[in-house]
């Protein structure tokens, strides 16, 4: 009788362990991986039953995002004045500055989907103007061989309310969809783009 009781106890314990393993396996299944630096995506899960492709190593393959040197500031002048004109600062209407950037990566089997977030600040110049205007922000992705993988110029709307001398703005480029890189050699550049001289 003691042997029969021990067998039943072992079978019961085995059944509980098997159920726990089954639940753990169910909780680990997924198709995509995501690195969330903007706080706007689903939490990542990693399949334990399949080998992880190195191209989905998010820390290695989610391209770093930087503000391109020399493009962090954009100035708007009145009356056709350009930044190179003598005394141009006296005609300054607005000065915009990009202060922070972030990115989010989501891999599918063949594509890398990215969202790039931009934050900035605008102050009015000696003319003291307020109101709504656009600033040209470019998001570009290049490889280490200077090959342009993605480039898009956005007109970002900024508003300085009446009675104020400055304001903050933010923008997210959520349309980036490129092939999964074969190696971690991509960089995302963000900056103001005034375009070619007139």
N, C-alpha and C. Protein backbone atom coordinates (compact mmCIF):
# COMPACT_ATOMS: atom_id res chain seq x y z
N UNK A 1 0.82 -1.20 0.00
CA UNK A 1 0.00 0.00 0.00
C UNK A 1 0.86 1.26 0.00
N UNK A 2 1.95 1.21 0.71
CA UNK A 2 2.82 2.37 0.75
C UNK A 2 3.41 2.66 -0.63
N UNK A 3 3.75 1.59 -1.38
CA UNK A 3 4.31 1.75 -2.72
C UNK A 3 3.29 2.42 -3.64
N UNK A 4 2.00 1.97 -3.57
CA UNK A 4 0.97 2.56 -4.42
C UNK A 4 0.81 4.04 -4.10
N UNK A 5 0.84 4.42 -2.83
CA UNK A 5 0.68 5.84 -2.46
C UNK A 5 1.83 6.68 -2.98
N UNK A 6 3.06 6.14 -2.90
CA UNK A 6 4.23 6.87 -3.41
C UNK A 6 4.15 7.07 -4.91
N UNK A 7 3.69 6.06 -5.64
CA UNK A 7 3.57 6.17 -7.09
C UNK A 7 2.56 7.25 -7.47
N UNK A 8 1.43 7.26 -6.75
CA UNK A 8 0.42 8.28 -7.04
C UNK A 8 0.96 9.68 -6.75
N UNK A 9 1.72 9.79 -5.68
CA UNK A 9 2.29 11.10 -5.32
C UNK A 9 3.27 11.58 -6.38
N UNK A 10 4.12 10.65 -6.88
CA UNK A 10 5.08 11.01 -7.93
C UNK A 10 4.37 11.42 -9.21
N UNK A 11 3.33 10.67 -9.59
CA UNK A 11 2.59 11.01 -10.80
C UNK A 11 1.95 12.38 -10.69
N UNK A 12 1.43 12.67 -9.50
CA UNK A 12 0.81 13.98 -9.29
C UNK A 12 1.84 15.10 -9.40
N UNK A 13 3.01 14.91 -8.79
CA UNK A 13 4.08 15.91 -8.88
C UNK A 13 4.57 16.07 -10.31
N UNK A 14 4.69 14.96 -11.03
CA UNK A 14 5.14 15.01 -12.42
C UNK A 14 4.15 15.79 -13.28
N UNK A 15 2.85 15.58 -13.01
CA UNK A 15 1.83 16.29 -13.76
C UNK A 15 1.89 17.78 -13.53
N UNK A 16 2.14 18.21 -12.29
CA UNK A 16 2.26 19.63 -11.98
C UNK A 16 3.47 20.23 -12.67
N UNK A 17 4.60 19.50 -12.66
CA UNK A 17 5.82 20.01 -13.31
C UNK A 17 5.63 20.13 -14.81
N UNK A 18 4.97 19.14 -15.40
CA UNK A 18 4.73 19.18 -16.85
C UNK A 18 3.86 20.36 -17.21
N UNK A 19 2.83 20.64 -16.39
CA UNK A 19 1.96 21.78 -16.65
C UNK A 19 2.72 23.08 -16.57
N UNK A 20 3.62 23.21 -15.58
CA UNK A 20 4.41 24.44 -15.43
C UNK A 20 5.32 24.64 -16.63
N UNK A 21 5.94 23.54 -17.12
CA UNK A 21 6.81 23.66 -18.30
C UNK A 21 6.02 24.04 -19.54
N UNK A 22 4.81 23.50 -19.68
CA UNK A 22 3.96 23.83 -20.83
C UNK A 22 3.58 25.30 -20.81
N UNK A 23 3.20 25.83 -19.65
CA UNK A 23 2.85 27.25 -19.54
C UNK A 23 4.05 28.13 -19.84
N UNK A 24 5.23 27.75 -19.36
CA UNK A 24 6.44 28.55 -19.62
C UNK A 24 6.74 28.59 -21.10
N UNK A 25 6.56 27.46 -21.80
CA UNK A 25 6.83 27.42 -23.24
C UNK A 25 5.84 28.29 -23.98
N UNK A 26 4.57 28.27 -23.57
CA UNK A 26 3.55 29.10 -24.23
C UNK A 26 3.86 30.57 -24.05
N UNK A 27 4.34 30.96 -22.90
CA UNK A 27 4.61 32.36 -22.63
C UNK A 27 5.83 32.88 -23.36
N UNK A 28 6.66 32.00 -23.93
CA UNK A 28 7.90 32.46 -24.57
C UNK A 28 7.79 32.57 -26.07
N UNK A 29 6.68 32.14 -26.68
CA UNK A 29 6.56 32.14 -28.14
C UNK A 29 6.31 33.54 -28.66
N UNK A 30 6.98 33.89 -29.79
CA UNK A 30 6.77 35.20 -30.43
C UNK A 30 7.31 35.17 -31.84
N UNK A 31 6.98 36.19 -32.65
CA UNK A 31 7.47 36.27 -34.02
C UNK A 31 8.42 37.45 -34.20
N UNK A 32 8.23 38.53 -33.50
CA UNK A 32 9.05 39.72 -33.67
C UNK A 32 9.76 40.06 -32.38
N UNK A 33 10.81 40.87 -32.52
CA UNK A 33 11.50 41.41 -31.36
C UNK A 33 11.49 42.92 -31.47
N UNK A 34 11.41 43.59 -30.34
CA UNK A 34 11.33 45.04 -30.34
C UNK A 34 12.23 45.63 -29.28
N UNK A 35 12.97 46.69 -29.65
CA UNK A 35 13.64 47.49 -28.63
C UNK A 35 12.88 48.79 -28.51
N UNK A 36 12.40 49.10 -27.34
CA UNK A 36 11.53 50.25 -27.13
C UNK A 36 12.30 51.33 -26.39
N UNK A 37 12.70 52.37 -27.10
CA UNK A 37 13.35 53.50 -26.45
C UNK A 37 12.46 54.73 -26.46
N UNK A 38 11.32 54.64 -27.15
CA UNK A 38 10.39 55.76 -27.18
C UNK A 38 9.20 55.53 -26.24
N UNK A 39 9.06 54.31 -25.74
CA UNK A 39 7.94 54.00 -24.86
C UNK A 39 6.62 53.86 -25.57
N UNK A 40 6.67 53.41 -26.86
CA UNK A 40 5.43 53.34 -27.62
C UNK A 40 5.26 52.00 -28.31
N UNK A 41 5.94 50.96 -27.86
CA UNK A 41 5.81 49.68 -28.54
C UNK A 41 5.52 48.58 -27.55
N UNK A 42 5.23 47.39 -28.10
CA UNK A 42 4.94 46.25 -27.25
C UNK A 42 6.23 45.71 -26.65
N UNK A 43 6.11 44.98 -25.55
CA UNK A 43 7.27 44.41 -24.89
C UNK A 43 7.82 43.26 -25.72
N UNK A 44 9.17 43.10 -25.77
CA UNK A 44 9.76 42.02 -26.57
C UNK A 44 9.65 40.68 -25.87
N UNK A 45 9.57 39.63 -26.69
CA UNK A 45 9.62 38.27 -26.19
C UNK A 45 10.57 37.49 -27.08
N UNK A 46 11.24 36.51 -26.55
CA UNK A 46 12.23 35.75 -27.30
C UNK A 46 11.84 34.28 -27.30
N UNK A 47 11.77 33.68 -28.48
CA UNK A 47 11.42 32.27 -28.57
C UNK A 47 12.58 31.43 -28.05
N UNK A 48 12.27 30.49 -27.13
CA UNK A 48 13.31 29.66 -26.56
C UNK A 48 13.52 28.39 -27.36
N UNK A 49 12.55 28.04 -28.22
CA UNK A 49 12.62 26.77 -28.92
C UNK A 49 13.31 26.91 -30.27
N UNK A 50 13.65 28.14 -30.71
CA UNK A 50 14.29 28.34 -32.00
C UNK A 50 15.59 29.09 -31.80
N UNK A 51 16.61 28.79 -32.64
CA UNK A 51 17.87 29.54 -32.54
C UNK A 51 17.65 31.00 -32.93
N UNK A 52 18.31 31.92 -32.24
CA UNK A 52 18.14 33.34 -32.49
C UNK A 52 19.09 33.78 -33.60
N UNK A 53 18.52 34.32 -34.68
CA UNK A 53 19.33 34.85 -35.77
C UNK A 53 20.09 36.08 -35.27
N UNK A 54 21.38 36.16 -35.60
CA UNK A 54 22.19 37.28 -35.13
C UNK A 54 21.68 38.62 -35.66
N UNK A 55 20.99 38.59 -36.81
CA UNK A 55 20.48 39.85 -37.36
C UNK A 55 19.35 40.42 -36.53
N UNK A 56 18.80 39.65 -35.57
CA UNK A 56 17.75 40.16 -34.72
C UNK A 56 18.27 40.49 -33.33
N UNK A 57 19.57 40.60 -33.20
CA UNK A 57 20.16 41.06 -31.95
C UNK A 57 19.95 42.56 -31.87
N UNK A 58 18.91 43.00 -31.15
CA UNK A 58 18.49 44.39 -31.21
C UNK A 58 19.55 45.35 -30.70
N UNK A 59 20.27 44.97 -29.67
CA UNK A 59 21.29 45.87 -29.14
C UNK A 59 22.38 46.12 -30.17
N UNK A 60 22.68 45.11 -30.99
CA UNK A 60 23.73 45.25 -31.98
C UNK A 60 23.22 45.85 -33.28
N UNK A 61 21.95 45.57 -33.65
CA UNK A 61 21.47 45.92 -34.96
C UNK A 61 20.43 47.04 -34.97
N UNK A 62 20.04 47.58 -33.84
CA UNK A 62 19.19 48.76 -33.85
C UNK A 62 20.11 49.96 -34.00
N UNK A 63 20.11 50.61 -35.17
CA UNK A 63 21.12 51.65 -35.44
C UNK A 63 21.07 52.79 -34.42
N UNK A 64 22.24 53.26 -34.03
CA UNK A 64 22.28 54.39 -33.12
C UNK A 64 21.84 55.64 -33.86
N UNK A 65 21.25 56.58 -33.14
CA UNK A 65 20.71 57.80 -33.71
C UNK A 65 21.45 58.99 -33.13
N UNK A 66 21.97 59.85 -34.01
CA UNK A 66 22.73 61.01 -33.56
C UNK A 66 22.29 62.26 -34.33
N UNK A 67 22.54 63.41 -33.72
CA UNK A 67 22.29 64.69 -34.39
C UNK A 67 23.52 65.02 -35.22
N UNK A 68 23.33 65.21 -36.52
CA UNK A 68 24.48 65.49 -37.38
C UNK A 68 25.10 66.83 -37.01
N UNK A 69 26.40 66.83 -36.83
CA UNK A 69 27.11 68.04 -36.42
C UNK A 69 26.88 69.16 -37.43
N UNK A 70 26.56 70.35 -36.92
CA UNK A 70 26.34 71.51 -37.77
C UNK A 70 24.91 71.69 -38.24
N UNK A 71 24.04 70.72 -37.92
CA UNK A 71 22.64 70.83 -38.37
C UNK A 71 21.67 70.88 -37.19
N UNK A 72 22.18 71.11 -35.98
CA UNK A 72 21.31 71.10 -34.81
C UNK A 72 20.54 72.39 -34.62
N UNK A 73 20.92 73.46 -35.38
CA UNK A 73 20.26 74.76 -35.23
C UNK A 73 19.76 75.26 -36.57
N UNK A 74 18.57 75.87 -36.55
CA UNK A 74 17.98 76.43 -37.77
C UNK A 74 17.45 77.82 -37.46
N UNK A 75 17.80 78.79 -38.31
CA UNK A 75 17.38 80.17 -38.09
C UNK A 75 16.52 80.66 -39.25
N UNK A 76 15.47 81.41 -38.89
CA UNK A 76 14.57 82.01 -39.87
C UNK A 76 14.69 83.52 -39.78
N UNK A 77 14.93 84.15 -40.95
CA UNK A 77 15.12 85.61 -41.00
C UNK A 77 13.99 86.27 -41.77
N UNK A 78 13.78 87.54 -41.53
CA UNK A 78 12.74 88.27 -42.23
C UNK A 78 13.31 88.98 -43.45
N UNK A 79 12.41 89.31 -44.36
CA UNK A 79 12.76 90.15 -45.51
C UNK A 79 13.81 89.59 -46.44
N UNK A 80 13.90 88.26 -46.57
CA UNK A 80 14.87 87.68 -47.49
C UNK A 80 16.30 87.70 -47.01
N UNK A 81 16.52 88.08 -45.78
CA UNK A 81 17.87 88.09 -45.22
C UNK A 81 18.35 86.66 -45.02
N UNK A 82 19.62 86.40 -45.32
CA UNK A 82 20.20 85.08 -45.10
C UNK A 82 21.19 85.14 -43.95
N UNK A 83 21.57 83.98 -43.46
CA UNK A 83 22.46 83.91 -42.30
C UNK A 83 23.84 84.49 -42.57
N UNK A 84 24.22 84.60 -43.85
CA UNK A 84 25.55 85.11 -44.19
C UNK A 84 25.55 86.62 -44.44
N UNK A 85 24.38 87.26 -44.40
CA UNK A 85 24.30 88.70 -44.62
C UNK A 85 24.84 89.46 -43.40
N UNK A 86 25.47 90.61 -43.62
CA UNK A 86 25.92 91.43 -42.49
C UNK A 86 24.73 91.85 -41.61
N UNK A 87 24.89 91.72 -40.31
CA UNK A 87 23.83 92.11 -39.39
C UNK A 87 22.60 91.23 -39.46
N UNK A 88 22.76 89.98 -39.92
CA UNK A 88 21.61 89.09 -40.10
C UNK A 88 20.88 88.83 -38.79
N UNK A 89 21.60 88.78 -37.68
CA UNK A 89 20.96 88.46 -36.40
C UNK A 89 19.93 89.52 -35.99
N UNK A 90 20.09 90.74 -36.50
CA UNK A 90 19.10 91.78 -36.19
C UNK A 90 17.76 91.50 -36.86
N UNK A 91 17.78 90.67 -37.90
CA UNK A 91 16.56 90.32 -38.63
C UNK A 91 16.08 88.91 -38.28
N UNK A 92 16.62 88.33 -37.22
CA UNK A 92 16.26 86.97 -36.84
C UNK A 92 14.82 86.92 -36.32
N UNK A 93 14.02 86.02 -36.92
CA UNK A 93 12.65 85.82 -36.44
C UNK A 93 12.58 84.69 -35.42
N UNK A 94 13.12 83.53 -35.80
CA UNK A 94 13.09 82.36 -34.92
C UNK A 94 14.41 81.62 -34.97
N UNK A 95 14.80 81.03 -33.86
CA UNK A 95 15.92 80.10 -33.83
C UNK A 95 15.45 78.79 -33.22
N UNK A 96 15.58 77.70 -33.98
CA UNK A 96 15.14 76.38 -33.53
C UNK A 96 16.36 75.50 -33.28
N UNK A 97 16.28 74.67 -32.25
CA UNK A 97 17.38 73.78 -31.88
C UNK A 97 16.86 72.40 -31.57
N UNK A 98 17.47 71.37 -32.15
CA UNK A 98 17.15 69.98 -31.79
C UNK A 98 17.91 69.64 -30.53
N UNK A 99 17.20 69.20 -29.51
CA UNK A 99 17.82 68.95 -28.20
C UNK A 99 17.97 67.47 -27.87
N UNK A 100 17.16 66.61 -28.48
CA UNK A 100 17.23 65.19 -28.11
C UNK A 100 16.65 64.34 -29.22
N UNK A 101 17.20 63.12 -29.37
CA UNK A 101 16.69 62.15 -30.34
C UNK A 101 16.61 60.77 -29.67
N UNK A 102 15.73 59.93 -30.19
CA UNK A 102 15.60 58.56 -29.70
C UNK A 102 15.08 57.70 -30.83
N UNK A 103 15.21 56.38 -30.66
CA UNK A 103 14.71 55.49 -31.71
C UNK A 103 14.13 54.23 -31.10
N UNK A 104 13.29 53.57 -31.92
CA UNK A 104 12.67 52.30 -31.56
C UNK A 104 12.79 51.37 -32.76
N UNK A 105 13.20 50.12 -32.51
CA UNK A 105 13.38 49.15 -33.59
C UNK A 105 12.44 47.98 -33.42
N UNK A 106 11.90 47.50 -34.54
CA UNK A 106 11.04 46.32 -34.55
C UNK A 106 11.40 45.49 -35.77
N UNK A 107 11.89 44.27 -35.53
CA UNK A 107 12.30 43.40 -36.62
C UNK A 107 11.22 42.40 -36.98
N UNK A 108 10.99 42.28 -38.29
CA UNK A 108 10.22 41.18 -38.83
C UNK A 108 11.26 40.26 -39.50
N UNK A 109 10.84 39.14 -40.08
CA UNK A 109 11.84 38.25 -40.68
C UNK A 109 12.71 38.90 -41.75
N UNK A 110 12.17 39.87 -42.50
CA UNK A 110 12.94 40.45 -43.61
C UNK A 110 13.18 41.95 -43.48
N UNK A 111 12.41 42.65 -42.65
CA UNK A 111 12.49 44.11 -42.61
C UNK A 111 12.82 44.63 -41.22
N UNK A 112 13.41 45.81 -41.21
CA UNK A 112 13.64 46.56 -39.99
C UNK A 112 12.72 47.77 -40.03
N UNK A 113 11.79 47.85 -39.09
CA UNK A 113 10.90 48.99 -38.97
C UNK A 113 11.38 49.86 -37.82
N UNK A 114 11.51 51.16 -38.08
CA UNK A 114 12.02 52.07 -37.05
C UNK A 114 11.09 53.25 -36.87
N UNK A 115 11.11 53.78 -35.65
CA UNK A 115 10.52 55.07 -35.35
C UNK A 115 11.61 55.93 -34.73
N UNK A 116 11.78 57.12 -35.27
CA UNK A 116 12.79 58.05 -34.77
C UNK A 116 12.09 59.27 -34.20
N UNK A 117 12.33 59.53 -32.93
CA UNK A 117 11.72 60.66 -32.24
C UNK A 117 12.69 61.82 -32.09
N UNK A 118 12.16 63.02 -32.22
CA UNK A 118 12.96 64.25 -32.17
C UNK A 118 12.30 65.23 -31.22
N UNK A 119 13.09 65.84 -30.36
CA UNK A 119 12.60 66.92 -29.50
C UNK A 119 13.46 68.15 -29.72
N UNK A 120 12.81 69.32 -29.58
CA UNK A 120 13.56 70.55 -29.78
C UNK A 120 12.90 71.74 -29.12
N UNK A 121 13.58 72.87 -29.27
CA UNK A 121 13.10 74.11 -28.67
C UNK A 121 13.26 75.23 -29.69
N UNK A 122 12.33 76.19 -29.65
CA UNK A 122 12.40 77.35 -30.54
C UNK A 122 12.25 78.62 -29.70
N UNK A 123 13.05 79.62 -30.03
CA UNK A 123 12.93 80.93 -29.38
C UNK A 123 12.79 81.98 -30.47
N UNK A 124 12.08 83.07 -30.15
CA UNK A 124 11.98 84.12 -31.16
C UNK A 124 13.16 85.08 -31.04
N UNK A 125 13.45 85.76 -32.14
CA UNK A 125 14.60 86.64 -32.21
C UNK A 125 14.25 88.08 -31.88
N UNK A 126 15.12 89.01 -32.31
CA UNK A 126 14.91 90.43 -32.01
C UNK A 126 13.58 90.98 -32.51
N UNK A 127 13.03 90.36 -33.57
CA UNK A 127 11.74 90.83 -34.07
C UNK A 127 10.60 90.47 -33.12
N UNK A 128 10.83 89.49 -32.24
CA UNK A 128 9.85 89.13 -31.22
C UNK A 128 8.58 88.52 -31.76
N UNK A 129 8.65 87.85 -32.90
CA UNK A 129 7.44 87.29 -33.51
C UNK A 129 6.94 86.07 -32.76
N UNK A 130 5.64 85.90 -32.77
CA UNK A 130 5.01 84.67 -32.29
C UNK A 130 4.16 84.11 -33.42
N UNK A 131 3.66 82.89 -33.22
CA UNK A 131 2.82 82.29 -34.25
C UNK A 131 3.31 80.91 -34.63
N UNK A 132 2.79 80.40 -35.76
CA UNK A 132 3.08 79.05 -36.22
C UNK A 132 3.90 79.08 -37.50
N UNK A 133 4.91 78.23 -37.56
CA UNK A 133 5.74 78.13 -38.75
C UNK A 133 6.31 76.72 -38.82
N UNK A 134 6.97 76.40 -39.94
CA UNK A 134 7.53 75.08 -40.14
C UNK A 134 9.05 75.11 -40.10
N UNK A 135 9.64 74.04 -39.58
CA UNK A 135 11.09 73.88 -39.63
C UNK A 135 11.39 72.58 -40.39
N UNK A 136 12.42 72.60 -41.26
CA UNK A 136 12.73 71.42 -42.08
C UNK A 136 13.65 70.44 -41.35
N UNK A 137 13.14 69.28 -41.00
CA UNK A 137 13.92 68.28 -40.28
C UNK A 137 14.13 67.07 -41.19
N UNK A 138 15.39 66.66 -41.35
CA UNK A 138 15.68 65.48 -42.16
C UNK A 138 16.10 64.31 -41.28
N UNK A 139 15.56 63.13 -41.61
CA UNK A 139 15.98 61.88 -41.00
C UNK A 139 16.62 61.04 -42.10
N UNK A 140 17.85 60.63 -41.90
CA UNK A 140 18.57 59.86 -42.92
C UNK A 140 19.31 58.70 -42.26
N UNK A 141 19.37 57.58 -42.98
CA UNK A 141 20.11 56.41 -42.51
C UNK A 141 21.17 56.09 -43.55
N UNK A 142 22.41 55.96 -43.09
CA UNK A 142 23.51 55.64 -43.99
C UNK A 142 24.29 54.44 -43.46
N UNK A 143 24.99 53.77 -44.37
CA UNK A 143 25.86 52.67 -43.98
C UNK A 143 27.26 53.22 -43.75
N UNK A 144 28.14 52.35 -43.26
CA UNK A 144 29.52 52.78 -43.03
C UNK A 144 30.24 53.12 -44.34
N UNK A 145 29.68 52.66 -45.46
CA UNK A 145 30.25 52.98 -46.77
C UNK A 145 29.61 54.23 -47.35
N UNK A 146 28.91 55.01 -46.52
CA UNK A 146 28.23 56.24 -46.94
C UNK A 146 27.12 56.01 -47.95
N UNK A 147 26.59 54.81 -47.99
CA UNK A 147 25.43 54.53 -48.83
C UNK A 147 24.17 54.98 -48.09
N UNK A 148 23.33 55.78 -48.77
CA UNK A 148 22.09 56.27 -48.15
C UNK A 148 21.02 55.19 -48.27
N UNK A 149 20.56 54.70 -47.12
CA UNK A 149 19.56 53.65 -47.08
C UNK A 149 18.16 54.24 -46.99
N UNK A 150 18.04 55.40 -46.31
CA UNK A 150 16.75 56.07 -46.13
C UNK A 150 17.02 57.55 -45.94
N UNK A 151 16.16 58.38 -46.53
CA UNK A 151 16.27 59.83 -46.34
C UNK A 151 14.91 60.46 -46.57
N UNK A 152 14.47 61.26 -45.60
CA UNK A 152 13.17 61.91 -45.71
C UNK A 152 13.23 63.27 -45.04
N UNK A 153 12.76 64.30 -45.77
CA UNK A 153 12.69 65.65 -45.23
C UNK A 153 11.26 65.92 -44.76
N UNK A 154 11.14 66.35 -43.51
CA UNK A 154 9.83 66.61 -42.91
C UNK A 154 9.70 68.09 -42.58
N UNK A 155 8.52 68.64 -42.83
CA UNK A 155 8.21 69.99 -42.41
C UNK A 155 7.46 69.90 -41.07
N UNK A 156 8.18 70.21 -40.00
CA UNK A 156 7.63 70.05 -38.65
C UNK A 156 7.05 71.38 -38.19
N UNK A 157 5.80 71.36 -37.77
CA UNK A 157 5.10 72.58 -37.35
C UNK A 157 5.47 72.95 -35.91
N UNK A 158 5.77 74.21 -35.73
CA UNK A 158 6.15 74.74 -34.41
C UNK A 158 5.30 75.97 -34.13
N UNK A 159 4.85 76.14 -32.89
CA UNK A 159 4.04 77.29 -32.53
C UNK A 159 4.57 77.96 -31.28
N UNK A 160 4.81 79.27 -31.38
CA UNK A 160 5.10 80.09 -30.19
C UNK A 160 3.82 80.85 -29.87
N UNK A 161 3.20 80.57 -28.73
CA UNK A 161 1.93 81.24 -28.40
C UNK A 161 2.12 82.74 -28.17
N UNK A 162 1.05 83.49 -28.36
CA UNK A 162 1.07 84.93 -28.08
C UNK A 162 1.49 85.17 -26.63
N UNK A 163 2.34 86.14 -26.45
CA UNK A 163 2.81 86.48 -25.12
C UNK A 163 3.98 85.65 -24.64
N UNK A 164 4.40 84.66 -25.45
CA UNK A 164 5.54 83.82 -25.10
C UNK A 164 6.73 84.11 -26.03
N UNK A 165 7.91 83.78 -25.55
CA UNK A 165 9.10 84.00 -26.35
C UNK A 165 9.76 82.71 -26.79
N UNK A 166 9.23 81.56 -26.35
CA UNK A 166 9.82 80.28 -26.74
C UNK A 166 8.77 79.18 -26.64
N UNK A 167 9.10 78.03 -27.20
CA UNK A 167 8.20 76.87 -27.15
C UNK A 167 9.00 75.61 -27.43
N UNK A 168 8.43 74.47 -27.08
CA UNK A 168 9.04 73.17 -27.36
C UNK A 168 8.26 72.47 -28.46
N UNK A 169 8.94 71.60 -29.19
CA UNK A 169 8.26 70.83 -30.22
C UNK A 169 8.80 69.40 -30.21
N UNK A 170 8.01 68.48 -30.77
CA UNK A 170 8.43 67.09 -30.90
C UNK A 170 7.84 66.51 -32.17
N UNK A 171 8.51 65.49 -32.68
CA UNK A 171 8.08 64.87 -33.94
C UNK A 171 8.59 63.44 -33.96
N UNK A 172 7.80 62.52 -34.55
CA UNK A 172 8.21 61.13 -34.70
C UNK A 172 8.07 60.72 -36.16
N UNK A 173 9.18 60.29 -36.77
CA UNK A 173 9.14 59.70 -38.10
C UNK A 173 8.89 58.20 -37.91
N UNK A 174 7.67 57.77 -38.23
CA UNK A 174 7.28 56.38 -37.98
C UNK A 174 7.17 55.57 -39.26
N UNK A 175 7.70 56.08 -40.37
CA UNK A 175 7.53 55.41 -41.67
C UNK A 175 8.79 54.73 -42.17
N UNK A 176 9.77 54.49 -41.31
CA UNK A 176 11.03 53.90 -41.75
C UNK A 176 10.87 52.39 -41.86
N UNK A 177 11.08 51.86 -43.04
CA UNK A 177 10.98 50.43 -43.29
C UNK A 177 12.07 50.05 -44.29
N UNK A 178 13.12 49.37 -43.80
CA UNK A 178 14.26 49.02 -44.64
C UNK A 178 14.57 47.54 -44.48
N UNK A 179 15.30 46.94 -45.44
CA UNK A 179 15.69 45.53 -45.27
C UNK A 179 16.55 45.33 -44.03
N UNK A 180 16.43 44.17 -43.42
CA UNK A 180 17.24 43.86 -42.25
C UNK A 180 18.72 43.94 -42.63
N UNK A 181 19.52 44.72 -41.90
CA UNK A 181 20.94 44.84 -42.24
C UNK A 181 21.68 43.54 -41.99
N UNK A 182 22.68 43.28 -42.84
CA UNK A 182 23.48 42.07 -42.69
C UNK A 182 24.50 42.21 -41.57
N UNK A 183 24.86 43.43 -41.24
CA UNK A 183 25.79 43.68 -40.15
C UNK A 183 25.47 45.04 -39.53
N UNK A 184 25.92 45.28 -38.31
CA UNK A 184 25.56 46.53 -37.61
C UNK A 184 26.39 47.72 -38.07
N UNK A 185 26.13 48.18 -39.30
CA UNK A 185 26.92 49.28 -39.86
C UNK A 185 26.07 50.47 -40.26
N UNK A 186 24.85 50.59 -39.71
CA UNK A 186 23.97 51.70 -40.06
C UNK A 186 23.97 52.75 -38.95
N UNK A 187 23.83 54.02 -39.36
CA UNK A 187 23.70 55.13 -38.43
C UNK A 187 22.53 55.99 -38.87
N UNK A 188 21.70 56.41 -37.91
CA UNK A 188 20.59 57.31 -38.20
C UNK A 188 21.04 58.73 -37.86
N UNK A 189 20.96 59.63 -38.85
CA UNK A 189 21.30 61.03 -38.65
C UNK A 189 20.03 61.87 -38.63
N UNK A 190 19.97 62.81 -37.71
CA UNK A 190 18.85 63.75 -37.62
C UNK A 190 19.41 65.15 -37.61
N UNK A 191 18.75 66.07 -38.32
CA UNK A 191 19.19 67.46 -38.32
C UNK A 191 18.28 68.32 -39.17
N UNK A 192 18.44 69.64 -39.01
CA UNK A 192 17.72 70.57 -39.87
C UNK A 192 18.38 70.57 -41.25
N UNK A 193 17.57 70.69 -42.28
CA UNK A 193 18.07 70.70 -43.66
C UNK A 193 17.45 71.88 -44.38
N UNK A 194 18.25 72.90 -44.60
CA UNK A 194 17.76 74.11 -45.25
C UNK A 194 17.63 73.95 -46.76
N UNK A 195 18.17 72.85 -47.29
CA UNK A 195 18.13 72.64 -48.72
C UNK A 195 19.21 73.41 -49.43
N UNK A 196 19.27 73.32 -50.76
CA UNK A 196 20.31 74.04 -51.51
C UNK A 196 20.09 75.54 -51.44
N UNK A 197 21.18 76.33 -51.55
CA UNK A 197 21.01 77.80 -51.54
C UNK A 197 20.20 78.27 -52.71
N UNK A 198 19.44 79.34 -52.53
CA UNK A 198 18.58 79.86 -53.61
C UNK A 198 19.45 80.52 -54.67
